[in-house]
Every structure is written in structure tokens, then in C-alpha cells.
């Protein structure tokens, strides 16, 4: 559990760096690739040992998570609405469809996606502080993987 909290804090930090105004080269890759890498590492460590099919599902889920990290499902230069955050939460959840298929954990996939929708949407609507909001999205993406 401690590993889950530590990796979720790292994931939240990477998510925030990806959206920050720091002068880093390719800073969005900290979010896009870093968060899925940390999340999949957490899942692999939490569910160890993984069989061959589970590894394959995890690799596919990494790729889908990378894609989910790249969008807020809105037009450029517009503010995100609650339904944009709902789509983000759904994308974060559905990204682990290959892992659920490989392991047969369909109920867990549904539960994690539901929890993401019920926590991420209010978090993004209530916080109103970019740093806390982005950190929280990354943290929730990662910590909810412990449900598996």
C-alpha cells in the first residue's frame, strides 16, 4: 500500500509537470508517457507475478493510457466542462480494457472506471487550482489501479 501511495504521488507530480509552465523540453511527455509508466509499474508490482497474457494486456493498456493522457476531449482554447472530465475519467478507465480482458477482471475494470468518474469529475469541478487539480488527476489515475 505504501508503494501505491508513493507511486501515486510521483504520478500526480508527473501529471502536473506535463501541464505546467516549466521550461522543459517535451514536458507533456512527463504526463503522456510518465503517468502510464508509473501506473503500469504499480499494477505490475501489485499483481505480481503476471502471466504472459497479463503482460500483453498491460503493454496494450500502457499505450491506451498514453493516448488518454493526451486529451481533455475539448476544443483548443476553450474551458473544460464537467462532461469533458467525465470523458477523461472514462478514457482513464477504459484504457485498462486489454488488461481486464487478459486477466478476466471485468468487474474490477467497471468498478475502477466508476470510481474514476465519481471522483475525478467533482475533483476537477470543485478544486479550481491548476496545480492541485492536475496533481489530483494523476494521483487518482494511479491510486485507483490498486483496485485490480
Protein backbone atom coordinates (compact mmCIF):
# COMPACT_ATOMS: atom_id res chain seq x y z
CA UNK A 1 0.00 0.00 0.00
CA UNK A 2 2.87 2.36 0.79
CA UNK A 3 4.31 1.71 -2.68
CA UNK A 4 0.92 2.61 -4.13
CA UNK A 5 0.84 5.94 -2.34
CA UNK A 6 4.44 6.78 -3.25
CA UNK A 7 3.93 5.90 -6.93
CA UNK A 8 0.61 7.78 -6.99
CA UNK A 9 2.35 10.90 -5.64
CA UNK A 10 5.02 10.51 -8.33
CA UNK A 11 2.28 10.06 -10.94
CA UNK A 12 0.45 13.16 -9.71
CA UNK A 13 3.69 15.13 -9.89
CA UNK A 14 4.40 13.94 -13.44
CA UNK A 15 0.84 14.81 -14.46
CA UNK A 16 1.30 18.31 -13.09
CA UNK A 17 4.68 18.78 -14.76
CA UNK A 18 3.05 17.88 -18.08
CA UNK A 19 0.61 20.77 -17.71
CA UNK A 20 2.92 23.28 -16.04
CA UNK A 21 4.62 26.33 -17.48
CA UNK A 22 8.07 24.99 -16.66
CA UNK A 23 10.67 25.47 -19.35
CA UNK A 24 11.26 21.79 -20.07
CA UNK A 25 11.71 20.18 -23.44
CA UNK A 26 8.77 17.91 -24.29
CA UNK A 27 7.22 18.50 -20.87
CA UNK A 28 3.91 16.96 -21.96
CA UNK A 29 5.70 13.61 -22.26
CA UNK A 30 6.16 13.63 -18.48
CA UNK A 31 2.38 13.27 -18.33
CA UNK A 32 1.71 11.34 -21.52
CA UNK A 33 4.32 8.62 -21.04
CA UNK A 34 5.33 9.07 -17.40
CA UNK A 35 1.92 8.57 -15.81
CA UNK A 36 1.13 5.36 -17.74
CA UNK A 37 4.62 4.05 -16.98
CA UNK A 38 4.22 4.69 -13.26
CA UNK A 39 0.68 3.30 -13.27
CA UNK A 40 1.63 0.13 -15.11
CA UNK A 41 4.63 -0.31 -12.80
CA UNK A 42 2.30 -0.06 -9.82
CA UNK A 43 -0.12 -2.55 -11.33
CA UNK A 44 2.67 -4.99 -12.21
CA UNK A 45 4.13 -4.76 -8.70
CA UNK A 46 0.72 -5.04 -7.04
CA UNK A 47 -0.40 -8.05 -9.11
CA UNK A 48 2.95 -9.86 -9.28
CA UNK A 49 3.57 -12.40 -10.73
CA UNK A 50 1.93 -11.65 -14.06
CA UNK A 51 1.40 -14.30 -16.69
CA UNK A 52 2.32 -13.75 -20.34
CA UNK A 53 -1.18 -12.73 -21.33
CA UNK A 54 -1.42 -10.26 -18.45
CA UNK A 55 1.87 -8.68 -19.55
CA UNK A 56 0.49 -8.31 -23.07
CA UNK A 57 -2.68 -6.69 -21.72
CA UNK A 58 -0.60 -4.37 -19.55
CA UNK A 59 1.53 -3.28 -22.51
CA UNK A 60 -1.59 -2.53 -24.57
CA UNK A 61 -3.10 -0.67 -21.61
CA UNK A 62 0.08 1.41 -21.36
CA UNK A 63 -0.41 2.52 -24.96
CA UNK A 64 -4.09 3.32 -24.47
CA UNK A 65 -3.28 5.22 -21.26
CA UNK A 66 -0.70 7.25 -23.15
CA UNK A 67 -3.44 8.24 -25.60
CA UNK A 68 -5.89 9.01 -22.78
CA UNK A 69 -3.36 11.39 -21.23
CA UNK A 70 -3.12 13.49 -24.38
CA UNK A 71 -6.63 14.94 -24.48
CA UNK A 72 -9.27 16.70 -22.43
CA UNK A 73 -11.91 16.00 -25.11
CA UNK A 74 -12.47 19.67 -25.80
CA UNK A 75 -11.69 22.26 -28.45
CA UNK A 76 -8.42 24.15 -28.12
CA UNK A 77 -8.60 27.41 -26.17
CA UNK A 78 -11.93 26.56 -24.52
CA UNK A 79 -12.58 25.78 -20.89
CA UNK A 80 -13.26 22.20 -19.90
CA UNK A 81 -16.77 21.42 -18.69
CA UNK A 82 -17.89 18.63 -16.36
CA UNK A 83 -18.61 16.32 -19.28
CA UNK A 84 -15.04 16.75 -20.56
CA UNK A 85 -13.79 15.47 -17.21
CA UNK A 86 -16.27 12.61 -17.44
CA UNK A 87 -14.77 11.62 -20.81
CA UNK A 88 -11.27 11.88 -19.31
CA UNK A 89 -12.30 9.59 -16.43
CA UNK A 90 -13.89 7.13 -18.86
CA UNK A 91 -10.76 7.15 -21.02
CA UNK A 92 -8.54 6.53 -17.98
CA UNK A 93 -10.75 3.58 -17.05
CA UNK A 94 -11.29 2.09 -20.49
CA UNK A 95 -7.54 2.26 -21.18
CA UNK A 96 -7.21 -0.85 -19.00
CA UNK A 97 -9.69 -2.86 -21.06
CA UNK A 98 -6.86 -5.01 -22.53
CA UNK A 99 -5.57 -5.80 -19.05
CA UNK A 100 -9.08 -6.70 -17.86
CA UNK A 101 -9.52 -8.91 -20.93
CA UNK A 102 -6.18 -10.64 -20.32
CA UNK A 103 -6.91 -11.27 -16.64
CA UNK A 104 -10.70 -11.65 -16.69
CA UNK A 105 -11.16 -8.80 -14.21
CA UNK A 106 -14.18 -7.21 -15.90
CA UNK A 107 -15.90 -6.28 -12.65
CA UNK A 108 -12.77 -4.57 -11.39
CA UNK A 109 -12.46 -2.61 -14.65
CA UNK A 110 -16.06 -1.43 -14.29
CA UNK A 111 -15.57 -0.56 -10.61
CA UNK A 112 -12.36 1.41 -11.26
CA UNK A 113 -13.97 3.30 -14.14
CA UNK A 114 -16.99 4.12 -11.99
CA UNK A 115 -14.79 5.31 -9.11
CA UNK A 116 -12.77 7.47 -11.51
CA UNK A 117 -15.97 9.04 -12.84
CA UNK A 118 -17.33 9.67 -9.34
CA UNK A 119 -14.08 11.20 -8.04
CA UNK A 120 -12.34 12.85 -10.98
CA UNK A 121 -15.31 14.86 -12.23
CA UNK A 122 -16.09 16.54 -8.87
CA UNK A 123 -12.37 16.97 -8.17
CA UNK A 124 -11.87 18.89 -11.42
CA UNK A 125 -15.03 20.93 -10.98
CA UNK A 126 -14.51 21.89 -7.33
CA UNK A 127 -10.76 22.47 -6.91
CA UNK A 128 -10.27 25.37 -9.33
CA UNK A 129 -6.49 25.45 -8.77
CA UNK A 130 -4.45 24.10 -11.68
CA UNK A 131 -1.67 22.63 -9.58
CA UNK A 132 -3.98 20.74 -7.22
CA UNK A 133 -6.37 19.76 -9.96
CA UNK A 134 -3.70 18.26 -12.22
CA UNK A 135 -1.87 16.58 -9.36
CA UNK A 136 -5.17 15.07 -8.22
CA UNK A 137 -6.00 13.70 -11.67
CA UNK A 138 -2.64 11.96 -11.87
CA UNK A 139 -2.94 10.68 -8.31
CA UNK A 140 -6.45 9.30 -8.92
CA UNK A 141 -5.40 7.68 -12.20
CA UNK A 142 -2.67 5.76 -10.38
CA UNK A 143 -4.12 5.01 -6.93
CA UNK A 144 -7.29 3.51 -8.42
CA UNK A 145 -5.16 0.86 -10.12
CA UNK A 146 -4.80 -0.76 -6.70
CA UNK A 147 -8.40 -1.94 -7.15
CA UNK A 148 -7.02 -4.56 -9.55
